[in-house]
């Protein structure tokens, strides 16, 4: 079990920059588009289901951005101290 945990830790830490960048970009784009559909008259006729899906995926990508480092700390090897910078 500890080998799987160590392997997951190294995979997560190696793609950290890509995951954080993409999740921040997608969250910004989806929530920005959702706000535009609420306030701009020309595109406010988007169906409610599409608005809910945009909002939900925007929140999911925001949570990924916020809690990805906690996932890395969960899988960190014992007797190792790490510091992650943004």
C-alpha atoms as a PDB file:
ATOM      1  CA  UNK A   1       0.000   0.000   0.000  1.00  0.00           C
ATOM      2  CA  UNK A   2       2.829   2.409   0.763  1.00  0.00           C
ATOM      3  CA  UNK A   3       4.338   1.869  -2.707  1.00  0.00           C
ATOM      4  CA  UNK A   4       1.045   2.839  -4.351  1.00  0.00           C
ATOM      5  CA  UNK A   5       0.840   5.861  -2.090  1.00  0.00           C
ATOM      6  CA  UNK A   6       4.398   6.865  -2.950  1.00  0.00           C
ATOM      7  CA  UNK A   7       3.726   6.413  -6.662  1.00  0.00           C
ATOM      8  CA  UNK A   8       0.564   8.545  -6.455  1.00  0.00           C
ATOM      9  CA  UNK A   9       2.480  11.223  -4.561  1.00  0.00           C
ATOM     10  CA  UNK A  10       5.152  11.472  -7.252  1.00  0.00           C
ATOM     11  CA  UNK A  11       2.598  11.521 -10.068  1.00  0.00           C
ATOM     12  CA  UNK A  12       0.543  14.228  -8.346  1.00  0.00           C
ATOM     13  CA  UNK A  13       3.579  16.378  -7.562  1.00  0.00           C
ATOM     14  CA  UNK A  14       4.969  16.057 -11.085  1.00  0.00           C
ATOM     15  CA  UNK A  15       1.793  17.326 -12.807  1.00  0.00           C
ATOM     16  CA  UNK A  16       0.936  19.902 -10.124  1.00  0.00           C
ATOM     17  CA  UNK A  17       1.699  22.981 -12.222  1.00  0.00           C
ATOM     18  CA  UNK A  18      -0.314  21.763 -15.184  1.00  0.00           C
ATOM     19  CA  UNK A  19      -3.319  20.746 -13.065  1.00  0.00           C
ATOM     20  CA  UNK A  20      -3.369  24.013 -11.111  1.00  0.00           C
ATOM     21  CA  UNK A  21      -3.028  26.135 -14.235  1.00  0.00           C
ATOM     22  CA  UNK A  22      -5.687  24.292 -16.218  1.00  0.00           C
ATOM     23  CA  UNK A  23      -8.149  24.118 -13.329  1.00  0.00           C
ATOM     24  CA  UNK A  24      -7.750  27.841 -12.612  1.00  0.00           C
ATOM     25  CA  UNK A  25      -8.219  28.695 -16.290  1.00  0.00           C
ATOM     26  CA  UNK A  26     -11.297  26.472 -16.711  1.00  0.00           C
ATOM     27  CA  UNK A  27     -12.858  27.744 -13.473  1.00  0.00           C
ATOM     28  CA  UNK A  28     -12.338  31.349 -14.556  1.00  0.00           C
ATOM     29  CA  UNK A  29     -13.722  30.710 -18.036  1.00  0.00           C
ATOM     30  CA  UNK A  30     -16.768  28.743 -16.886  1.00  0.00           C
ATOM     31  CA  UNK A  31     -17.739  31.079 -14.055  1.00  0.00           C
ATOM     32  CA  UNK A  32     -17.108  34.134 -16.226  1.00  0.00           C
ATOM     33  CA  UNK A  33     -19.277  32.708 -18.980  1.00  0.00           C
ATOM     34  CA  UNK A  34     -21.945  31.844 -16.433  1.00  0.00           C
ATOM     35  CA  UNK A  35     -21.955  35.435 -15.170  1.00  0.00           C
ATOM     36  CA  UNK A  36     -22.171  36.724 -18.738  1.00  0.00           C
ATOM     37  CA  UNK A  37     -25.201  34.537 -19.416  1.00  0.00           C
ATOM     38  CA  UNK A  38     -26.892  36.048 -16.380  1.00  0.00           C
ATOM     39  CA  UNK A  39     -26.314  39.717 -17.229  1.00  0.00           C
ATOM     40  CA  UNK A  40     -25.868  40.146 -20.993  1.00  0.00           C
ATOM     41  CA  UNK A  41     -29.216  40.312 -22.728  1.00  0.00           C
ATOM     42  CA  UNK A  42     -28.128  38.840 -26.092  1.00  0.00           C
ATOM     43  CA  UNK A  43     -26.893  35.594 -24.548  1.00  0.00           C
ATOM     44  CA  UNK A  44     -29.233  35.398 -21.559  1.00  0.00           C
ATOM     45  CA  UNK A  45     -31.552  33.077 -23.458  1.00  0.00           C
ATOM     46  CA  UNK A  46     -29.295  30.117 -22.777  1.00  0.00           C
ATOM     47  CA  UNK A  47     -31.330  27.270 -21.224  1.00  0.00           C
ATOM     48  CA  UNK A  48     -31.292  26.947 -17.459  1.00  0.00           C
ATOM     49  CA  UNK A  49     -29.721  23.466 -17.639  1.00  0.00           C
ATOM     50  CA  UNK A  50     -26.694  24.878 -19.468  1.00  0.00           C
ATOM     51  CA  UNK A  51     -26.329  27.636 -16.870  1.00  0.00           C
ATOM     52  CA  UNK A  52     -26.473  25.105 -14.025  1.00  0.00           C
ATOM     53  CA  UNK A  53     -23.911  22.851 -15.721  1.00  0.00           C
ATOM     54  CA  UNK A  54     -21.548  25.786 -16.322  1.00  0.00           C
ATOM     55  CA  UNK A  55     -21.841  26.851 -12.691  1.00  0.00           C
ATOM     56  CA  UNK A  56     -21.352  23.298 -11.394  1.00  0.00           C
ATOM     57  CA  UNK A  57     -18.257  22.648 -13.495  1.00  0.00           C
ATOM     58  CA  UNK A  58     -16.868  26.060 -12.549  1.00  0.00           C
ATOM     59  CA  UNK A  59     -17.216  25.175  -8.868  1.00  0.00           C
ATOM     60  CA  UNK A  60     -15.697  21.715  -9.416  1.00  0.00           C
ATOM     61  CA  UNK A  61     -12.620  23.205 -11.109  1.00  0.00           C
ATOM     62  CA  UNK A  62     -12.365  25.790  -8.320  1.00  0.00           C
ATOM     63  CA  UNK A  63     -12.349  23.015  -5.710  1.00  0.00           C
ATOM     64  CA  UNK A  64      -9.673  21.173  -7.671  1.00  0.00           C
ATOM     65  CA  UNK A  65      -7.549  24.324  -7.623  1.00  0.00           C
ATOM     66  CA  UNK A  66      -8.108  24.879  -3.902  1.00  0.00           C
ATOM     67  CA  UNK A  67      -7.702  21.311  -2.640  1.00  0.00           C
ATOM     68  CA  UNK A  68      -5.114  19.752  -4.973  1.00  0.00           C
ATOM     69  CA  UNK A  69      -2.302  20.540  -2.539  1.00  0.00           C
ATOM     70  CA  UNK A  70      -4.216  18.868   0.293  1.00  0.00           C
ATOM     71  CA  UNK A  71      -4.389  15.726  -1.823  1.00  0.00           C
ATOM     72  CA  UNK A  72      -0.621  15.884  -2.305  1.00  0.00           C
ATOM     73  CA  UNK A  73      -0.103  16.288   1.447  1.00  0.00           C
ATOM     74  CA  UNK A  74      -2.371  13.290   2.059  1.00  0.00           C
ATOM     75  CA  UNK A  75      -0.182  11.059  -0.125  1.00  0.00           C
ATOM     76  CA  UNK A  76       3.159  12.454   1.043  1.00  0.00           C
ATOM     77  CA  UNK A  77       5.608   9.808   2.305  1.00  0.00           C
ATOM     78  CA  UNK A  78       6.106   9.431   6.006  1.00  0.00           C
ATOM     79  CA  UNK A  79       9.141  11.135   7.531  1.00  0.00           C
ATOM     80  CA  UNK A  80       9.237  13.688   4.702  1.00  0.00           C
ATOM     81  CA  UNK A  81       8.392  17.327   5.076  1.00  0.00           C
ATOM     82  CA  UNK A  82       7.463  19.230   1.936  1.00  0.00           C
ATOM     83  CA  UNK A  83       6.582  22.830   1.243  1.00  0.00           C
ATOM     84  CA  UNK A  84       4.498  23.766  -1.784  1.00  0.00           C
ATOM     85  CA  UNK A  85       4.586  27.277  -3.226  1.00  0.00           C
ATOM     86  CA  UNK A  86       2.036  28.814  -5.549  1.00  0.00           C
END
